[in-house]
Amino acid sequence: VQLQASGGGLVQPGGSLRLSCVASGSIFSIADMGWYRQAPGKQRELVARWASGGTTHYANSLLGRFTISRDSAKNTVYLQMNSLKPEDTAVYYCNAKVSVDGDYTDYWGQGTLVTVSS
């Protein structure tokens, strides 16, 4: 199973970016999919998560600016990021709980760098 994240880059404060993450491989089913981020010198933190039942969870500080969505048919999760701030600069990682043979395992993507700077 592989998670491939894309969409990061350099953006000015106030700008927007849309991240995508596609899961591929011998996948039986996917439960949760989500995004985490890690800024320099800080711990990895939850950004947003989409559970298989459609429930979403966001970091409180990001509510209203970030929106997670999911295309289950494509095993893809998206993160729309608006009104970006310099403090949003981080490596963004996608995560998924994937079942290959009935048990679920956490998988991580390679990370995509988001830099918010003028």
N, C-alpha and C. Protein backbone atom coordinates (compact mmCIF):
# COMPACT_ATOMS: atom_id res chain seq x y z
N VAL A 1 0.85 -1.18 0.00
CA VAL A 1 0.00 0.00 0.00
C VAL A 1 0.89 1.24 0.00
N GLN A 2 0.57 2.19 -0.85
CA GLN A 2 1.31 3.45 -0.89
C GLN A 2 0.34 4.61 -0.86
N LEU A 3 0.76 5.67 -0.17
CA LEU A 3 0.01 6.92 -0.17
C LEU A 3 0.87 7.96 -0.87
N GLN A 4 0.34 8.57 -1.89
CA GLN A 4 1.08 9.57 -2.66
C GLN A 4 0.41 10.92 -2.49
N ALA A 5 1.11 11.83 -1.81
CA ALA A 5 0.58 13.17 -1.59
C ALA A 5 1.16 14.13 -2.61
N SER A 6 0.37 15.12 -2.96
CA SER A 6 0.82 16.14 -3.91
C SER A 6 0.08 17.44 -3.65
N GLY A 7 0.57 18.51 -4.28
CA GLY A 7 -0.13 19.78 -4.21
C GLY A 7 0.55 20.84 -3.36
N GLY A 8 1.62 20.47 -2.67
CA GLY A 8 2.31 21.46 -1.87
C GLY A 8 3.07 22.45 -2.73
N GLY A 9 3.60 23.48 -2.08
CA GLY A 9 4.37 24.47 -2.80
C GLY A 9 4.50 25.75 -2.01
N LEU A 10 4.94 26.77 -2.70
CA LEU A 10 5.12 28.09 -2.11
C LEU A 10 3.91 28.96 -2.43
N VAL A 11 3.35 29.57 -1.41
CA VAL A 11 2.18 30.42 -1.60
C VAL A 11 2.32 31.64 -0.71
N GLN A 12 1.76 32.75 -1.16
CA GLN A 12 1.81 33.96 -0.36
C GLN A 12 0.76 33.93 0.74
N PRO A 13 1.00 34.66 1.81
CA PRO A 13 -0.03 34.74 2.87
C PRO A 13 -1.36 35.19 2.28
N GLY A 14 -2.42 34.52 2.73
CA GLY A 14 -3.75 34.80 2.21
C GLY A 14 -4.12 33.94 1.02
N GLY A 15 -3.17 33.22 0.49
CA GLY A 15 -3.43 32.39 -0.67
C GLY A 15 -4.04 31.05 -0.32
N SER A 16 -4.22 30.23 -1.35
CA SER A 16 -4.85 28.91 -1.18
C SER A 16 -4.02 27.83 -1.85
N LEU A 17 -4.16 26.64 -1.34
CA LEU A 17 -3.58 25.45 -1.95
C LEU A 17 -4.54 24.29 -1.73
N ARG A 18 -4.47 23.32 -2.63
CA ARG A 18 -5.26 22.10 -2.47
C ARG A 18 -4.32 20.91 -2.53
N LEU A 19 -4.30 20.16 -1.45
CA LEU A 19 -3.49 18.95 -1.40
C LEU A 19 -4.34 17.75 -1.77
N SER A 20 -3.69 16.77 -2.39
CA SER A 20 -4.35 15.52 -2.73
C SER A 20 -3.50 14.36 -2.22
N CYS A 21 -4.14 13.27 -1.88
CA CYS A 21 -3.44 12.07 -1.47
C CYS A 21 -4.20 10.86 -1.99
N VAL A 22 -3.49 10.05 -2.77
CA VAL A 22 -4.09 8.86 -3.36
C VAL A 22 -3.48 7.62 -2.72
N ALA A 23 -4.34 6.72 -2.30
CA ALA A 23 -3.89 5.43 -1.78
C ALA A 23 -3.96 4.40 -2.91
N SER A 24 -2.89 3.60 -3.02
CA SER A 24 -2.86 2.59 -4.07
C SER A 24 -2.26 1.30 -3.54
N GLY A 25 -2.48 0.23 -4.25
CA GLY A 25 -1.96 -1.07 -3.84
C GLY A 25 -3.08 -2.07 -3.64
N SER A 26 -2.77 -3.13 -2.91
CA SER A 26 -3.75 -4.20 -2.68
C SER A 26 -4.65 -3.82 -1.50
N ILE A 27 -5.60 -2.96 -1.79
CA ILE A 27 -6.46 -2.40 -0.75
C ILE A 27 -7.79 -3.11 -0.74
N PHE A 28 -8.14 -3.62 0.44
CA PHE A 28 -9.47 -4.22 0.61
C PHE A 28 -10.48 -3.15 0.97
N SER A 29 -10.13 -2.32 1.95
CA SER A 29 -10.97 -1.19 2.31
C SER A 29 -10.15 -0.17 3.08
N ILE A 30 -10.65 1.06 3.10
CA ILE A 30 -10.02 2.14 3.84
C ILE A 30 -11.02 2.69 4.84
N ALA A 31 -10.60 2.80 6.07
CA ALA A 31 -11.45 3.41 7.10
C ALA A 31 -11.19 4.92 7.07
N ASP A 32 -10.46 5.42 8.03
CA ASP A 32 -10.18 6.84 8.10
C ASP A 32 -9.11 7.26 7.11
N MET A 33 -9.21 8.50 6.62
CA MET A 33 -8.14 9.15 5.87
C MET A 33 -8.01 10.55 6.42
N GLY A 34 -6.78 11.05 6.46
CA GLY A 34 -6.63 12.38 7.02
C GLY A 34 -5.30 13.02 6.72
N TRP A 35 -5.13 14.19 7.27
CA TRP A 35 -3.92 14.99 7.06
C TRP A 35 -3.35 15.40 8.41
N TYR A 36 -2.04 15.32 8.49
CA TYR A 36 -1.29 15.81 9.64
C TYR A 36 -0.22 16.75 9.09
N ARG A 37 0.37 17.53 9.97
CA ARG A 37 1.46 18.39 9.54
C ARG A 37 2.52 18.48 10.62
N GLN A 38 3.73 18.77 10.17
CA GLN A 38 4.84 18.93 11.10
C GLN A 38 5.66 20.13 10.68
N ALA A 39 5.65 21.13 11.53
CA ALA A 39 6.45 22.33 11.29
C ALA A 39 7.85 22.12 11.86
N PRO A 40 8.82 22.87 11.38
CA PRO A 40 10.19 22.72 11.89
C PRO A 40 10.26 22.89 13.40
N GLY A 41 10.86 21.92 14.06
CA GLY A 41 11.04 21.99 15.50
C GLY A 41 9.80 21.66 16.31
N LYS A 42 8.74 21.23 15.63
CA LYS A 42 7.50 20.91 16.35
C LYS A 42 7.09 19.47 16.10
N GLN A 43 6.17 19.01 16.94
CA GLN A 43 5.65 17.65 16.77
C GLN A 43 4.60 17.62 15.67
N ARG A 44 4.43 16.44 15.12
CA ARG A 44 3.38 16.25 14.12
C ARG A 44 2.03 16.42 14.79
N GLU A 45 1.13 17.12 14.10
CA GLU A 45 -0.18 17.39 14.68
C GLU A 45 -1.27 17.11 13.65
N LEU A 46 -2.46 16.79 14.17
CA LEU A 46 -3.62 16.56 13.32
C LEU A 46 -4.05 17.86 12.66
N VAL A 47 -4.33 17.78 11.37
CA VAL A 47 -4.94 18.89 10.65
C VAL A 47 -6.43 18.62 10.48
N ALA A 48 -6.74 17.51 9.84
CA ALA A 48 -8.14 17.15 9.61
C ALA A 48 -8.21 15.66 9.30
N ARG A 49 -9.36 15.08 9.60
CA ARG A 49 -9.53 13.66 9.39
C ARG A 49 -10.96 13.40 8.92
N TRP A 50 -11.09 12.43 8.02
CA TRP A 50 -12.40 12.03 7.49
C TRP A 50 -12.59 10.56 7.79
N ALA A 51 -13.54 10.25 8.64
CA ALA A 51 -13.82 8.85 8.99
C ALA A 51 -14.68 8.20 7.91
N SER A 52 -14.66 6.87 7.91
CA SER A 52 -15.37 6.14 6.87
C SER A 52 -16.87 6.42 6.88
N GLY A 53 -17.43 6.76 8.03
CA GLY A 53 -18.85 7.08 8.10
C GLY A 53 -19.18 8.50 7.68
N GLY A 54 -18.16 9.28 7.32
CA GLY A 54 -18.39 10.64 6.87
C GLY A 54 -18.17 11.70 7.93
N THR A 55 -17.83 11.28 9.14
CA THR A 55 -17.56 12.24 10.21
C THR A 55 -16.20 12.88 9.97
N THR A 56 -16.14 14.20 10.16
CA THR A 56 -14.87 14.92 9.99
C THR A 56 -14.43 15.53 11.31
N HIS A 57 -13.13 15.61 11.48
CA HIS A 57 -12.53 16.23 12.65
C HIS A 57 -11.47 17.20 12.17
N TYR A 58 -11.41 18.36 12.80
CA TYR A 58 -10.43 19.37 12.45
C TYR A 58 -9.71 19.84 13.70
N ALA A 59 -8.47 20.27 13.51
CA ALA A 59 -7.79 21.01 14.57
C ALA A 59 -8.59 22.29 14.78
N ASN A 60 -8.86 22.61 16.02
CA ASN A 60 -9.72 23.76 16.32
C ASN A 60 -9.21 25.04 15.67
N SER A 61 -7.90 25.18 15.63
CA SER A 61 -7.32 26.43 15.13
C SER A 61 -7.48 26.59 13.62
N LEU A 62 -7.88 25.51 12.94
CA LEU A 62 -7.97 25.54 11.48
C LEU A 62 -9.40 25.58 10.97
N LEU A 63 -10.35 25.47 11.87
CA LEU A 63 -11.75 25.50 11.46
C LEU A 63 -12.05 26.77 10.69
N GLY A 64 -12.74 26.60 9.57
CA GLY A 64 -13.13 27.75 8.76
C GLY A 64 -12.14 28.09 7.66
N ARG A 65 -10.92 27.60 7.76
CA ARG A 65 -9.92 27.88 6.72
C ARG A 65 -9.58 26.64 5.91
N PHE A 66 -9.58 25.50 6.56
CA PHE A 66 -9.22 24.24 5.90
C PHE A 66 -10.46 23.37 5.77
N THR A 67 -10.56 22.67 4.65
CA THR A 67 -11.67 21.76 4.42
C THR A 67 -11.16 20.44 3.87
N ILE A 68 -11.54 19.36 4.52
CA ILE A 68 -11.15 18.04 4.04
C ILE A 68 -12.30 17.44 3.26
N SER A 69 -11.97 16.72 2.21
CA SER A 69 -12.98 16.00 1.45
C SER A 69 -12.38 14.67 1.00
N ARG A 70 -13.25 13.79 0.56
CA ARG A 70 -12.77 12.44 0.24
C ARG A 70 -13.57 11.88 -0.92
N ASP A 71 -12.88 11.23 -1.83
CA ASP A 71 -13.50 10.50 -2.92
C ASP A 71 -13.18 9.02 -2.69
N SER A 72 -14.10 8.32 -2.06
CA SER A 72 -13.85 6.94 -1.70
C SER A 72 -13.65 6.04 -2.91
N ALA A 73 -14.32 6.34 -4.00
CA ALA A 73 -14.20 5.53 -5.21
C ALA A 73 -12.78 5.60 -5.77
N LYS A 74 -12.11 6.73 -5.51
CA LYS A 74 -10.75 6.92 -6.01
C LYS A 74 -9.69 6.74 -4.92
N ASN A 75 -10.11 6.33 -3.73
CA ASN A 75 -9.18 6.19 -2.59
C ASN A 75 -8.35 7.46 -2.40
N THR A 76 -9.01 8.58 -2.49
CA THR A 76 -8.33 9.87 -2.46
C THR A 76 -8.92 10.78 -1.40
N VAL A 77 -8.04 11.51 -0.74
CA VAL A 77 -8.47 12.52 0.22
C VAL A 77 -7.83 13.84 -0.18
N TYR A 78 -8.59 14.91 0.01
CA TYR A 78 -8.14 16.24 -0.38
C TYR A 78 -8.13 17.15 0.84
N LEU A 79 -7.31 18.18 0.76
CA LEU A 79 -7.30 19.21 1.79
C LEU A 79 -7.26 20.57 1.10
N GLN A 80 -8.36 21.29 1.17
CA GLN A 80 -8.41 22.64 0.63
C GLN A 80 -8.00 23.59 1.73
N MET A 81 -6.96 24.37 1.46
CA MET A 81 -6.44 25.29 2.47
C MET A 81 -6.58 26.71 1.95
N ASN A 82 -7.34 27.51 2.66
CA ASN A 82 -7.58 28.90 2.28
C ASN A 82 -7.02 29.84 3.34
N SER A 83 -6.86 31.10 2.95
CA SER A 83 -6.37 32.14 3.88
C SER A 83 -5.13 31.67 4.62
N LEU A 84 -4.19 31.16 3.86
CA LEU A 84 -2.99 30.58 4.48
C LEU A 84 -2.16 31.63 5.19
N LYS A 85 -1.55 31.20 6.28
CA LYS A 85 -0.73 32.06 7.11
C LYS A 85 0.68 31.50 7.18
N PRO A 86 1.65 32.33 7.48
CA PRO A 86 3.03 31.81 7.60
C PRO A 86 3.14 30.65 8.59
N GLU A 87 2.33 30.67 9.62
CA GLU A 87 2.40 29.59 10.61
C GLU A 87 1.82 28.27 10.10
N ASP A 88 1.23 28.28 8.92
CA ASP A 88 0.79 27.04 8.30
C ASP A 88 1.93 26.33 7.57
N THR A 89 3.07 26.96 7.49
CA THR A 89 4.24 26.35 6.85
C THR A 89 4.62 25.07 7.57
N ALA A 90 4.67 23.98 6.84
CA ALA A 90 4.96 22.68 7.43
C ALA A 90 5.03 21.64 6.31
N VAL A 91 5.50 20.46 6.67
CA VAL A 91 5.34 19.31 5.80
C VAL A 91 4.01 18.66 6.15
N TYR A 92 3.18 18.47 5.14
CA TYR A 92 1.86 17.89 5.34
C TYR A 92 1.89 16.43 4.92
N TYR A 93 1.42 15.58 5.83
CA TYR A 93 1.43 14.14 5.61
C TYR A 93 0.00 13.62 5.54
N CYS A 94 -0.25 12.75 4.59
CA CYS A 94 -1.55 12.08 4.61
C CYS A 94 -1.42 10.74 5.33
N ASN A 95 -2.52 10.33 5.88
CA ASN A 95 -2.57 9.10 6.68
C ASN A 95 -3.84 8.36 6.34
N ALA A 96 -3.76 7.05 6.35
CA ALA A 96 -4.96 6.26 6.10
C ALA A 96 -4.91 4.96 6.88
N LYS A 97 -6.04 4.55 7.38
CA LYS A 97 -6.18 3.23 8.00
C LYS A 97 -6.69 2.29 6.92
N VAL A 98 -5.83 1.39 6.50
CA VAL A 98 -6.10 0.56 5.34
C VAL A 98 -6.16 -0.91 5.75
N SER A 99 -7.14 -1.60 5.19
CA SER A 99 -7.23 -3.03 5.37
C SER A 99 -6.82 -3.73 4.08
N VAL A 100 -5.85 -4.61 4.22
CA VAL A 100 -5.43 -5.43 3.10
C VAL A 100 -6.03 -6.83 3.21
N ASP A 101 -6.13 -7.30 4.47
CA ASP A 101 -6.59 -8.68 4.69
C ASP A 101 -7.60 -8.79 5.81
N GLY A 102 -8.22 -7.67 6.16
CA GLY A 102 -9.21 -7.69 7.23
C GLY A 102 -8.83 -6.85 8.41
N ASP A 103 -7.54 -6.82 8.79
CA ASP A 103 -7.07 -5.95 9.86
C ASP A 103 -6.65 -4.61 9.28
N TYR A 104 -6.83 -3.56 10.07
CA TYR A 104 -6.48 -2.22 9.60
C TYR A 104 -5.09 -1.82 10.10
N THR A 105 -4.34 -1.21 9.23
CA THR A 105 -2.99 -0.73 9.52
C THR A 105 -2.87 0.72 9.11
N ASP A 106 -2.13 1.49 9.90
CA ASP A 106 -1.86 2.89 9.56
C ASP A 106 -0.79 2.98 8.48
N TYR A 107 -1.06 3.75 7.45
CA TYR A 107 -0.06 4.05 6.44
C TYR A 107 0.11 5.56 6.34
N TRP A 108 1.34 5.96 5.99
CA TRP A 108 1.66 7.37 5.86
C TRP A 108 2.22 7.67 4.47
N GLY A 109 1.87 8.84 3.96
CA GLY A 109 2.47 9.30 2.73
C GLY A 109 3.83 9.92 3.01
N GLN A 110 4.50 10.33 1.95
CA GLN A 110 5.86 10.82 2.07
C GLN A 110 5.92 12.27 2.52
N GLY A 111 4.82 12.95 2.51
CA GLY A 111 4.81 14.35 2.92
C GLY A 111 4.96 15.28 1.74
N THR A 112 4.28 16.40 1.83
CA THR A 112 4.41 17.45 0.81
C THR A 112 4.59 18.78 1.54
N LEU A 113 5.58 19.53 1.11
CA LEU A 113 5.95 20.76 1.82
C LEU A 113 5.07 21.92 1.37
N VAL A 114 4.52 22.59 2.36
CA VAL A 114 3.77 23.82 2.13
C VAL A 114 4.52 24.97 2.79
N THR A 115 4.86 25.97 1.99
CA THR A 115 5.58 27.13 2.50
C THR A 115 4.74 28.37 2.24
N VAL A 116 4.41 29.06 3.31
CA VAL A 116 3.61 30.28 3.19
C VAL A 116 4.52 31.46 3.52
N SER A 117 4.83 32.22 2.49
CA SER A 117 5.78 33.31 2.67
C SER A 117 5.61 34.34 1.56
N SER A 118 5.88 35.57 1.89
CA SER A 118 5.85 36.63 0.89
C SER A 118 7.24 36.84 0.30
